[in-house]
Amino acid sequence: KWWYRVVIHRVINDQEVEVFYPDYGNLEIVRKSWLRFLK
């Protein structure tokens, strides 16, 4: 339920991507369906 800025680091498969959190400095794998455009 929280929104975070991310940079897509790499596409893992059809469902997942690895993202970099520019405000925290870590990488994490998330579902593509969780991604949204940023204002």
ModelCIF file with pLDDT and N, C-alpha, C, O atoms, coordinates in Angstrom:
data_MODEL
#
_entry.id   MODEL 
#
_entity.id                         1 
_entity.type                       polymer 
_entity.pdbx_number_of_molecules   1 
#
_entity_poly.entity_id                      1 
_entity_poly.type                           'polypeptide(L)' 
_entity_poly.nstd_linkage                   no 
_entity_poly.nstd_monomer                   no 
_entity_poly.pdbx_seq_one_letter_code       KWWYRVVIHRVINDQEVEVFYPDYGNLEIVRKSWLRFLK 
_entity_poly.pdbx_seq_one_letter_code_can   KWWYRVVIHRVINDQEVEVFYPDYGNLEIVRKSWLRFLK 
_entity_poly.pdbx_strand_id                 A 
#
loop_
_entity_poly_seq.entity_id 
_entity_poly_seq.num 
_entity_poly_seq.mon_id 
_entity_poly_seq.hetero 
1 1  LYS n 
1 2  TRP n 
1 3  TRP n 
1 4  TYR n 
1 5  ARG n 
1 6  VAL n 
1 7  VAL n 
1 8  ILE n 
1 9  HIS n 
1 10 ARG n 
1 11 VAL n 
1 12 ILE n 
1 13 ASN n 
1 14 ASP n 
1 15 GLN n 
1 16 GLU n 
1 17 VAL n 
1 18 GLU n 
1 19 VAL n 
1 20 PHE n 
1 21 TYR n 
1 22 PRO n 
1 23 ASP n 
1 24 TYR n 
1 25 GLY n 
1 26 ASN n 
1 27 LEU n 
1 28 GLU n 
1 29 ILE n 
1 30 VAL n 
1 31 ARG n 
1 32 LYS n 
1 33 SER n 
1 34 TRP n 
1 35 LEU n 
1 36 ARG n 
1 37 PHE n 
1 38 LEU n 
1 39 LYS n 
#
_struct_asym.id          A 
_struct_asym.entity_id   1 
#
loop_
_ma_qa_metric.id 
_ma_qa_metric.mode 
_ma_qa_metric.name 
_ma_qa_metric.software_group_id 
_ma_qa_metric.type 
1 global pLDDT . pLDDT 
2 local  pLDDT . pLDDT 
#
_ma_qa_metric_global.metric_id      1 
_ma_qa_metric_global.metric_value   92.67 
_ma_qa_metric_global.model_id       1 
_ma_qa_metric_global.ordinal_id     1 
#
loop_
_ma_qa_metric_local.label_asym_id 
_ma_qa_metric_local.label_comp_id 
_ma_qa_metric_local.label_seq_id 
_ma_qa_metric_local.metric_id 
_ma_qa_metric_local.metric_value 
_ma_qa_metric_local.model_id 
_ma_qa_metric_local.ordinal_id 
A LYS 1  2 87.00 1 1  
A TRP 2  2 91.00 1 2  
A TRP 3  2 93.00 1 3  
A TYR 4  2 95.00 1 4  
A ARG 5  2 94.00 1 5  
A VAL 6  2 94.00 1 6  
A VAL 7  2 92.00 1 7  
A ILE 8  2 94.00 1 8  
A HIS 9  2 92.00 1 9  
A ARG 10 2 93.00 1 10 
A VAL 11 2 95.00 1 11 
A ILE 12 2 96.00 1 12 
A ASN 13 2 96.00 1 13 
A ASP 14 2 94.00 1 14 
A GLN 15 2 95.00 1 15 
A GLU 16 2 96.00 1 16 
A VAL 17 2 96.00 1 17 
A GLU 18 2 95.00 1 18 
A VAL 19 2 94.00 1 19 
A PHE 20 2 92.00 1 20 
A TYR 21 2 92.00 1 21 
A PRO 22 2 89.00 1 22 
A ASP 23 2 90.00 1 23 
A TYR 24 2 88.00 1 24 
A GLY 25 2 84.00 1 25 
A ASN 26 2 86.00 1 26 
A LEU 27 2 89.00 1 27 
A GLU 28 2 94.00 1 28 
A ILE 29 2 95.00 1 29 
A VAL 30 2 96.00 1 30 
A ARG 31 2 95.00 1 31 
A LYS 32 2 95.00 1 32 
A SER 33 2 93.00 1 33 
A TRP 34 2 94.00 1 34 
A LEU 35 2 95.00 1 35 
A ARG 36 2 94.00 1 36 
A PHE 37 2 94.00 1 37 
A LEU 38 2 89.00 1 38 
A LYS 39 2 88.00 1 39 
#
loop_
_atom_site.group_PDB 
_atom_site.id 
_atom_site.type_symbol 
_atom_site.label_atom_id 
_atom_site.label_alt_id 
_atom_site.label_comp_id 
_atom_site.label_asym_id 
_atom_site.label_entity_id 
_atom_site.label_seq_id 
_atom_site.pdbx_PDB_ins_code 
_atom_site.Cartn_x 
_atom_site.Cartn_y 
_atom_site.Cartn_z 
_atom_site.occupancy 
_atom_site.B_iso_or_equiv 
_atom_site.pdbx_formal_charge 
_atom_site.auth_seq_id 
_atom_site.auth_comp_id 
_atom_site.auth_asym_id 
_atom_site.auth_atom_id 
_atom_site.pdbx_PDB_model_num 
ATOM 1   N N  . LYS A 1 1  ? 0.794  -1.233  0.000   1.00 87.00 ? 1  LYS A N  1 
ATOM 2   C CA . LYS A 1 1  ? 0.000  0.000   0.000   1.00 87.00 ? 1  LYS A CA 1 
ATOM 3   C C  . LYS A 1 1  ? 0.825  1.280   0.000   1.00 87.00 ? 1  LYS A C  1 
ATOM 4   O O  . LYS A 1 1  ? 0.259  2.363   0.150   1.00 87.00 ? 1  LYS A O  1 
ATOM 5   N N  . TRP A 1 2  ? 2.144  1.193   -0.164  1.00 91.00 ? 2  TRP A N  1 
ATOM 6   C CA . TRP A 1 2  ? 2.998  2.370   -0.255  1.00 91.00 ? 2  TRP A CA 1 
ATOM 7   C C  . TRP A 1 2  ? 3.559  2.455   -1.667  1.00 91.00 ? 2  TRP A C  1 
ATOM 8   O O  . TRP A 1 2  ? 3.775  1.428   -2.309  1.00 91.00 ? 2  TRP A O  1 
ATOM 9   N N  . TRP A 1 3  ? 3.796  3.667   -2.155  1.00 93.00 ? 3  TRP A N  1 
ATOM 10  C CA . TRP A 1 3  ? 4.355  3.884   -3.480  1.00 93.00 ? 3  TRP A CA 1 
ATOM 11  C C  . TRP A 1 3  ? 5.813  4.299   -3.367  1.00 93.00 ? 3  TRP A C  1 
ATOM 12  O O  . TRP A 1 3  ? 6.174  5.119   -2.523  1.00 93.00 ? 3  TRP A O  1 
ATOM 13  N N  . TYR A 1 4  ? 6.649  3.723   -4.232  1.00 95.00 ? 4  TYR A N  1 
ATOM 14  C CA . TYR A 1 4  ? 8.077  4.016   -4.231  1.00 95.00 ? 4  TYR A CA 1 
ATOM 15  C C  . TYR A 1 4  ? 8.535  4.294   -5.660  1.00 95.00 ? 4  TYR A C  1 
ATOM 16  O O  . TYR A 1 4  ? 8.057  3.680   -6.614  1.00 95.00 ? 4  TYR A O  1 
ATOM 17  N N  . ARG A 1 5  ? 9.477  5.240   -5.786  1.00 94.00 ? 5  ARG A N  1 
ATOM 18  C CA . ARG A 1 5  ? 10.089 5.469   -7.094  1.00 94.00 ? 5  ARG A CA 1 
ATOM 19  C C  . ARG A 1 5  ? 11.067 4.335   -7.377  1.00 94.00 ? 5  ARG A C  1 
ATOM 20  O O  . ARG A 1 5  ? 11.800 3.893   -6.492  1.00 94.00 ? 5  ARG A O  1 
ATOM 21  N N  . VAL A 1 6  ? 11.067 3.870   -8.631  1.00 94.00 ? 6  VAL A N  1 
ATOM 22  C CA . VAL A 1 6  ? 11.987 2.807   -9.026  1.00 94.00 ? 6  VAL A CA 1 
ATOM 23  C C  . VAL A 1 6  ? 12.493 3.056   -10.445 1.00 94.00 ? 6  VAL A C  1 
ATOM 24  O O  . VAL A 1 6  ? 11.874 3.778   -11.228 1.00 94.00 ? 6  VAL A O  1 
ATOM 25  N N  . VAL A 1 7  ? 13.626 2.444   -10.752 1.00 92.00 ? 7  VAL A N  1 
ATOM 26  C CA . VAL A 1 7  ? 14.144 2.375   -12.109 1.00 92.00 ? 7  VAL A CA 1 
ATOM 27  C C  . VAL A 1 7  ? 14.162 0.895   -12.467 1.00 92.00 ? 7  VAL A C  1 
ATOM 28  O O  . VAL A 1 7  ? 14.692 0.081   -11.711 1.00 92.00 ? 7  VAL A O  1 
ATOM 29  N N  . ILE A 1 8  ? 13.589 0.541   -13.613 1.00 94.00 ? 8  ILE A N  1 
ATOM 30  C CA . ILE A 1 8  ? 13.627 -0.864  -14.027 1.00 94.00 ? 8  ILE A CA 1 
ATOM 31  C C  . ILE A 1 8  ? 15.071 -1.214  -14.350 1.00 94.00 ? 8  ILE A C  1 
ATOM 32  O O  . ILE A 1 8  ? 15.675 -0.624  -15.246 1.00 94.00 ? 8  ILE A O  1 
ATOM 33  N N  . HIS A 1 9  ? 15.616 -2.166  -13.626 1.00 92.00 ? 9  HIS A N  1 
ATOM 34  C CA . HIS A 1 9  ? 17.017 -2.572  -13.792 1.00 92.00 ? 9  HIS A CA 1 
ATOM 35  C C  . HIS A 1 9  ? 17.141 -3.652  -14.862 1.00 92.00 ? 9  HIS A C  1 
ATOM 36  O O  . HIS A 1 9  ? 18.018 -3.584  -15.724 1.00 92.00 ? 9  HIS A O  1 
ATOM 37  N N  . ARG A 1 10 ? 16.257 -4.651  -14.801 1.00 93.00 ? 10 ARG A N  1 
ATOM 38  C CA . ARG A 1 10 ? 16.227 -5.688  -15.845 1.00 93.00 ? 10 ARG A CA 1 
ATOM 39  C C  . ARG A 1 10 ? 14.898 -6.412  -15.804 1.00 93.00 ? 10 ARG A C  1 
ATOM 40  O O  . ARG A 1 10 ? 14.230 -6.480  -14.772 1.00 93.00 ? 10 ARG A O  1 
ATOM 41  N N  . VAL A 1 11 ? 14.534 -6.950  -16.956 1.00 95.00 ? 11 VAL A N  1 
ATOM 42  C CA . VAL A 1 11 ? 13.306 -7.727  -17.067 1.00 95.00 ? 11 VAL A CA 1 
ATOM 43  C C  . VAL A 1 11 ? 13.668 -9.183  -16.785 1.00 95.00 ? 11 VAL A C  1 
ATOM 44  O O  . VAL A 1 11 ? 14.541 -9.750  -17.442 1.00 95.00 ? 11 VAL A O  1 
ATOM 45  N N  . ILE A 1 12 ? 12.992 -9.783  -15.805 1.00 96.00 ? 12 ILE A N  1 
ATOM 46  C CA . ILE A 1 12 ? 13.294 -11.160 -15.400 1.00 96.00 ? 12 ILE A CA 1 
ATOM 47  C C  . ILE A 1 12 ? 12.555 -12.145 -16.303 1.00 96.00 ? 12 ILE A C  1 
ATOM 48  O O  . ILE A 1 12 ? 13.160 -13.054 -16.871 1.00 96.00 ? 12 ILE A O  1 
ATOM 49  N N  . ASN A 1 13 ? 11.253 -11.955 -16.430 1.00 96.00 ? 13 ASN A N  1 
ATOM 50  C CA . ASN A 1 13 ? 10.413 -12.832 -17.267 1.00 96.00 ? 13 ASN A CA 1 
ATOM 51  C C  . ASN A 1 13 ? 9.132  -12.079 -17.610 1.00 96.00 ? 13 ASN A C  1 
ATOM 52  O O  . ASN A 1 13 ? 9.066  -10.860 -17.451 1.00 96.00 ? 13 ASN A O  1 
ATOM 53  N N  . ASP A 1 14 ? 8.113  -12.798 -18.080 1.00 94.00 ? 14 ASP A N  1 
ATOM 54  C CA . ASP A 1 14 ? 6.851  -12.156 -18.481 1.00 94.00 ? 14 ASP A CA 1 
ATOM 55  C C  . ASP A 1 14 ? 6.112  -11.516 -17.312 1.00 94.00 ? 14 ASP A C  1 
ATOM 56  O O  . ASP A 1 14 ? 5.288  -10.625 -17.521 1.00 94.00 ? 14 ASP A O  1 
ATOM 57  N N  . GLN A 1 15 ? 6.386  -11.947 -16.104 1.00 95.00 ? 15 GLN A N  1 
ATOM 58  C CA . GLN A 1 15 ? 5.651  -11.465 -14.933 1.00 95.00 ? 15 GLN A CA 1 
ATOM 59  C C  . GLN A 1 15 ? 6.444  -10.555 -14.006 1.00 95.00 ? 15 GLN A C  1 
ATOM 60  O O  . GLN A 1 15 ? 5.856  -9.779  -13.252 1.00 95.00 ? 15 GLN A O  1 
ATOM 61  N N  . GLU A 1 16 ? 7.790  -10.639 -14.051 1.00 96.00 ? 16 GLU A N  1 
ATOM 62  C CA . GLU A 1 16 ? 8.601  -9.958  -13.049 1.00 96.00 ? 16 GLU A CA 1 
ATOM 63  C C  . GLU A 1 16 ? 9.719  -9.109  -13.655 1.00 96.00 ? 16 GLU A C  1 
ATOM 64  O O  . GLU A 1 16 ? 10.229 -9.382  -14.742 1.00 96.00 ? 16 GLU A O  1 
ATOM 65  N N  . VAL A 1 17 ? 10.074 -8.068  -12.900 1.00 96.00 ? 17 VAL A N  1 
ATOM 66  C CA . VAL A 1 17 ? 11.212 -7.227  -13.247 1.00 96.00 ? 17 VAL A CA 1 
ATOM 67  C C  . VAL A 1 17 ? 12.038 -6.983  -11.985 1.00 96.00 ? 17 VAL A C  1 
ATOM 68  O O  . VAL A 1 17 ? 11.529 -7.040  -10.865 1.00 96.00 ? 17 VAL A O  1 
ATOM 69  N N  . GLU A 1 18 ? 13.301 -6.717  -12.194 1.00 95.00 ? 18 GLU A N  1 
ATOM 70  C CA . GLU A 1 18 ? 14.144 -6.299  -11.076 1.00 95.00 ? 18 GLU A CA 1 
ATOM 71  C C  . GLU A 1 18 ? 14.214 -4.781  -11.134 1.00 95.00 ? 18 GLU A C  1 
ATOM 72  O O  . GLU A 1 18 ? 14.514 -4.208  -12.182 1.00 95.00 ? 18 GLU A O  1 
ATOM 73  N N  . VAL A 1 19 ? 13.941 -4.133  -10.018 1.00 94.00 ? 19 VAL A N  1 
ATOM 74  C CA . VAL A 1 19 ? 13.934 -2.671  -9.964  1.00 94.00 ? 19 VAL A CA 1 
ATOM 75  C C  . VAL A 1 19 ? 14.961 -2.167  -8.957  1.00 94.00 ? 19 VAL A C  1 
ATOM 76  O O  . VAL A 1 19 ? 15.298 -2.839  -7.983  1.00 94.00 ? 19 VAL A O  1 
ATOM 77  N N  . PHE A 1 20 ? 15.445 -0.957  -9.230  1.00 92.00 ? 20 PHE A N  1 
ATOM 78  C CA . PHE A 1 20 ? 16.358 -0.262  -8.332  1.00 92.00 ? 20 PHE A CA 1 
ATOM 79  C C  . PHE A 1 20 ? 15.591 0.886   -7.692  1.00 92.00 ? 20 PHE A C  1 
ATOM 80  O O  . PHE A 1 20 ? 14.923 1.653   -8.384  1.00 92.00 ? 20 PHE A O  1 
ATOM 81  N N  . TYR A 1 21 ? 15.686 1.005   -6.377  1.00 92.00 ? 21 TYR A N  1 
ATOM 82  C CA . TYR A 1 21 ? 15.031 2.073   -5.629  1.00 92.00 ? 21 TYR A CA 1 
ATOM 83  C C  . TYR A 1 21 ? 16.017 3.241   -5.475  1.00 92.00 ? 21 TYR A C  1 
ATOM 84  O O  . TYR A 1 21 ? 16.909 3.172   -4.630  1.00 92.00 ? 21 TYR A O  1 
ATOM 85  N N  . PRO A 1 22 ? 15.877 4.317   -6.275  1.00 89.00 ? 22 PRO A N  1 
ATOM 86  C CA . PRO A 1 22 ? 16.858 5.409   -6.223  1.00 89.00 ? 22 PRO A CA 1 
ATOM 87  C C  . PRO A 1 22 ? 16.845 6.186   -4.912  1.00 89.00 ? 22 PRO A C  1 
ATOM 88  O O  . PRO A 1 22 ? 17.781 6.936   -4.634  1.00 89.00 ? 22 PRO A O  1 
ATOM 89  N N  . ASP A 1 23 ? 15.804 6.021   -4.106  1.00 90.00 ? 23 ASP A N  1 
ATOM 90  C CA . ASP A 1 23 ? 15.752 6.731   -2.830  1.00 90.00 ? 23 ASP A CA 1 
ATOM 91  C C  . ASP A 1 23 ? 16.250 5.880   -1.666  1.00 90.00 ? 23 ASP A C  1 
ATOM 92  O O  . ASP A 1 23 ? 16.390 6.371   -0.546  1.00 90.00 ? 23 ASP A O  1 
ATOM 93  N N  . TYR A 1 24 ? 16.515 4.601   -1.937  1.00 88.00 ? 24 TYR A N  1 
ATOM 94  C CA . TYR A 1 24 ? 16.986 3.694   -0.876  1.00 88.00 ? 24 TYR A CA 1 
ATOM 95  C C  . TYR A 1 24 ? 18.274 2.975   -1.254  1.00 88.00 ? 24 TYR A C  1 
ATOM 96  O O  . TYR A 1 24 ? 19.053 2.596   -0.380  1.00 88.00 ? 24 TYR A O  1 
ATOM 97  N N  . GLY A 1 25 ? 18.504 2.784   -2.553  1.00 84.00 ? 25 GLY A N  1 
ATOM 98  C CA . GLY A 1 25 ? 19.752 2.184   -3.012  1.00 84.00 ? 25 GLY A CA 1 
ATOM 99  C C  . GLY A 1 25 ? 19.750 0.678   -3.131  1.00 84.00 ? 25 GLY A C  1 
ATOM 100 O O  . GLY A 1 25 ? 20.815 0.079   -3.281  1.00 84.00 ? 25 GLY A O  1 
ATOM 101 N N  . ASN A 1 26 ? 18.571 0.032   -3.068  1.00 86.00 ? 26 ASN A N  1 
ATOM 102 C CA . ASN A 1 26 ? 18.549 -1.428  -3.137  1.00 86.00 ? 26 ASN A CA 1 
ATOM 103 C C  . ASN A 1 26 ? 17.835 -1.922  -4.394  1.00 86.00 ? 26 ASN A C  1 
ATOM 104 O O  . ASN A 1 26 ? 17.099 -1.183  -5.048  1.00 86.00 ? 26 ASN A O  1 
ATOM 105 N N  . LEU A 1 27 ? 18.077 -3.187  -4.707  1.00 89.00 ? 27 LEU A N  1 
ATOM 106 C CA . LEU A 1 27 ? 17.418 -3.871  -5.811  1.00 89.00 ? 27 LEU A CA 1 
ATOM 107 C C  . LEU A 1 27 ? 16.369 -4.814  -5.251  1.00 89.00 ? 27 LEU A C  1 
ATOM 108 O O  . LEU A 1 27 ? 16.521 -5.340  -4.148  1.00 89.00 ? 27 LEU A O  1 
ATOM 109 N N  . GLU A 1 28 ? 15.292 -5.029  -6.022  1.00 94.00 ? 28 GLU A N  1 
ATOM 110 C CA . GLU A 1 28 ? 14.255 -5.966  -5.595  1.00 94.00 ? 28 GLU A CA 1 
ATOM 111 C C  . GLU A 1 28 ? 13.511 -6.460  -6.829  1.00 94.00 ? 28 GLU A C  1 
ATOM 112 O O  . GLU A 1 28 ? 13.375 -5.733  -7.812  1.00 94.00 ? 28 GLU A O  1 
ATOM 113 N N  . ILE A 1 29 ? 13.038 -7.680  -6.773  1.00 95.00 ? 29 ILE A N  1 
ATOM 114 C CA . ILE A 1 29 ? 12.215 -8.221  -7.857  1.00 95.00 ? 29 ILE A CA 1 
ATOM 115 C C  . ILE A 1 29 ? 10.757 -7.994  -7.504  1.00 95.00 ? 29 ILE A C  1 
ATOM 116 O O  . ILE A 1 29 ? 10.301 -8.352  -6.417  1.00 95.00 ? 29 ILE A O  1 
ATOM 117 N N  . VAL A 1 30 ? 10.021 -7.383  -8.454  1.00 96.00 ? 30 VAL A N  1 
ATOM 118 C CA . VAL A 1 30 ? 8.605  -7.085  -8.247  1.00 96.00 ? 30 VAL A CA 1 
ATOM 119 C C  . VAL A 1 30 ? 7.811  -7.555  -9.465  1.00 96.00 ? 30 VAL A C  1 
ATOM 120 O O  . VAL A 1 30 ? 8.378  -7.829  -10.522 1.00 96.00 ? 30 VAL A O  1 
ATOM 121 N N  . ARG A 1 31 ? 6.506  -7.643  -9.302  1.00 95.00 ? 31 ARG A N  1 
ATOM 122 C CA . ARG A 1 31 ? 5.619  -8.020  -10.395 1.00 95.00 ? 31 ARG A CA 1 
ATOM 123 C C  . ARG A 1 31 ? 5.433  -6.829  -11.334 1.00 95.00 ? 31 ARG A C  1 
ATOM 124 O O  . ARG A 1 31 ? 5.333  -5.685  -10.891 1.00 95.00 ? 31 ARG A O  1 
ATOM 125 N N  . LYS A 1 32 ? 5.388  -7.113  -12.628 1.00 95.00 ? 32 LYS A N  1 
ATOM 126 C CA . LYS A 1 32 ? 5.161  -6.057  -13.609 1.00 95.00 ? 32 LYS A CA 1 
ATOM 127 C C  . LYS A 1 32 ? 3.833  -5.345  -13.363 1.00 95.00 ? 32 LYS A C  1 
ATOM 128 O O  . LYS A 1 32 ? 3.709  -4.143  -13.597 1.00 95.00 ? 32 LYS A O  1 
ATOM 129 N N  . SER A 1 33 ? 2.863  -6.085  -12.898 1.00 93.00 ? 33 SER A N  1 
ATOM 130 C CA . SER A 1 33 ? 1.529  -5.503  -12.679 1.00 93.00 ? 33 SER A CA 1 
ATOM 131 C C  . SER A 1 33 ? 1.527  -4.450  -11.565 1.00 93.00 ? 33 SER A C  1 
ATOM 132 O O  . SER A 1 33 ? 0.566  -3.690  -11.445 1.00 93.00 ? 33 SER A O  1 
ATOM 133 N N  . TRP A 1 34 ? 2.570  -4.394  -10.761 1.00 94.00 ? 34 TRP A N  1 
ATOM 134 C CA . TRP A 1 34 ? 2.661  -3.410  -9.691  1.00 94.00 ? 34 TRP A CA 1 
ATOM 135 C C  . TRP A 1 34 ? 3.217  -2.066  -10.169 1.00 94.00 ? 34 TRP A C  1 
ATOM 136 O O  . TRP A 1 34 ? 3.148  -1.075  -9.441  1.00 94.00 ? 34 TRP A O  1 
ATOM 137 N N  . LEU A 1 35 ? 3.765  -2.026  -11.383 1.00 95.00 ? 35 LEU A N  1 
ATOM 138 C CA . LEU A 1 35 ? 4.407  -0.823  -11.913 1.00 95.00 ? 35 LEU A CA 1 
ATOM 139 C C  . LEU A 1 35 ? 3.389  0.182   -12.421 1.00 95.00 ? 35 LEU A C  1 
ATOM 140 O O  . LEU A 1 35 ? 2.351  -0.195  -12.965 1.00 95.00 ? 35 LEU A O  1 
ATOM 141 N N  . ARG A 1 36 ? 3.689  1.464   -12.243 1.00 94.00 ? 36 ARG A N  1 
ATOM 142 C CA . ARG A 1 36 ? 2.853  2.552   -12.745 1.00 94.00 ? 36 ARG A CA 1 
ATOM 143 C C  . ARG A 1 36 ? 3.770  3.675   -13.238 1.00 94.00 ? 36 ARG A C  1 
ATOM 144 O O  . ARG A 1 36 ? 4.907  3.811   -12.787 1.00 94.00 ? 36 ARG A O  1 
ATOM 145 N N  . PHE A 1 37 ? 3.245  4.480   -14.179 1.00 94.00 ? 37 PHE A N  1 
ATOM 146 C CA . PHE A 1 37 ? 3.979  5.670   -14.590 1.00 94.00 ? 37 PHE A CA 1 
ATOM 147 C C  . PHE A 1 37 ? 4.060  6.623   -13.415 1.00 94.00 ? 37 PHE A C  1 
ATOM 148 O O  . PHE A 1 37 ? 3.185  6.635   -12.549 1.00 94.00 ? 37 PHE A O  1 
ATOM 149 N N  . LEU A 1 38 ? 5.099  7.409   -13.393 1.00 89.00 ? 38 LEU A N  1 
ATOM 150 C CA . LEU A 1 38 ? 5.339  8.348   -12.308 1.00 89.00 ? 38 LEU A CA 1 
ATOM 151 C C  . LEU A 1 38 ? 4.990  9.754   -12.779 1.00 89.00 ? 38 LEU A C  1 
ATOM 152 O O  . LEU A 1 38 ? 5.331  10.134  -13.899 1.00 89.00 ? 38 LEU A O  1 
ATOM 153 N N  . LYS A 1 39 ? 4.322  10.520  -11.945 1.00 88.00 ? 39 LYS A N  1 
ATOM 154 C CA . LYS A 1 39 ? 3.991  11.907  -12.280 1.00 88.00 ? 39 LYS A CA 1 
ATOM 155 C C  . LYS A 1 39 ? 5.273  12.710  -12.470 1.00 88.00 ? 39 LYS A C  1 
ATOM 156 O O  . LYS A 1 39 ? 5.216  13.905  -12.758 1.00 88.00 ? 39 LYS A O  1 
#
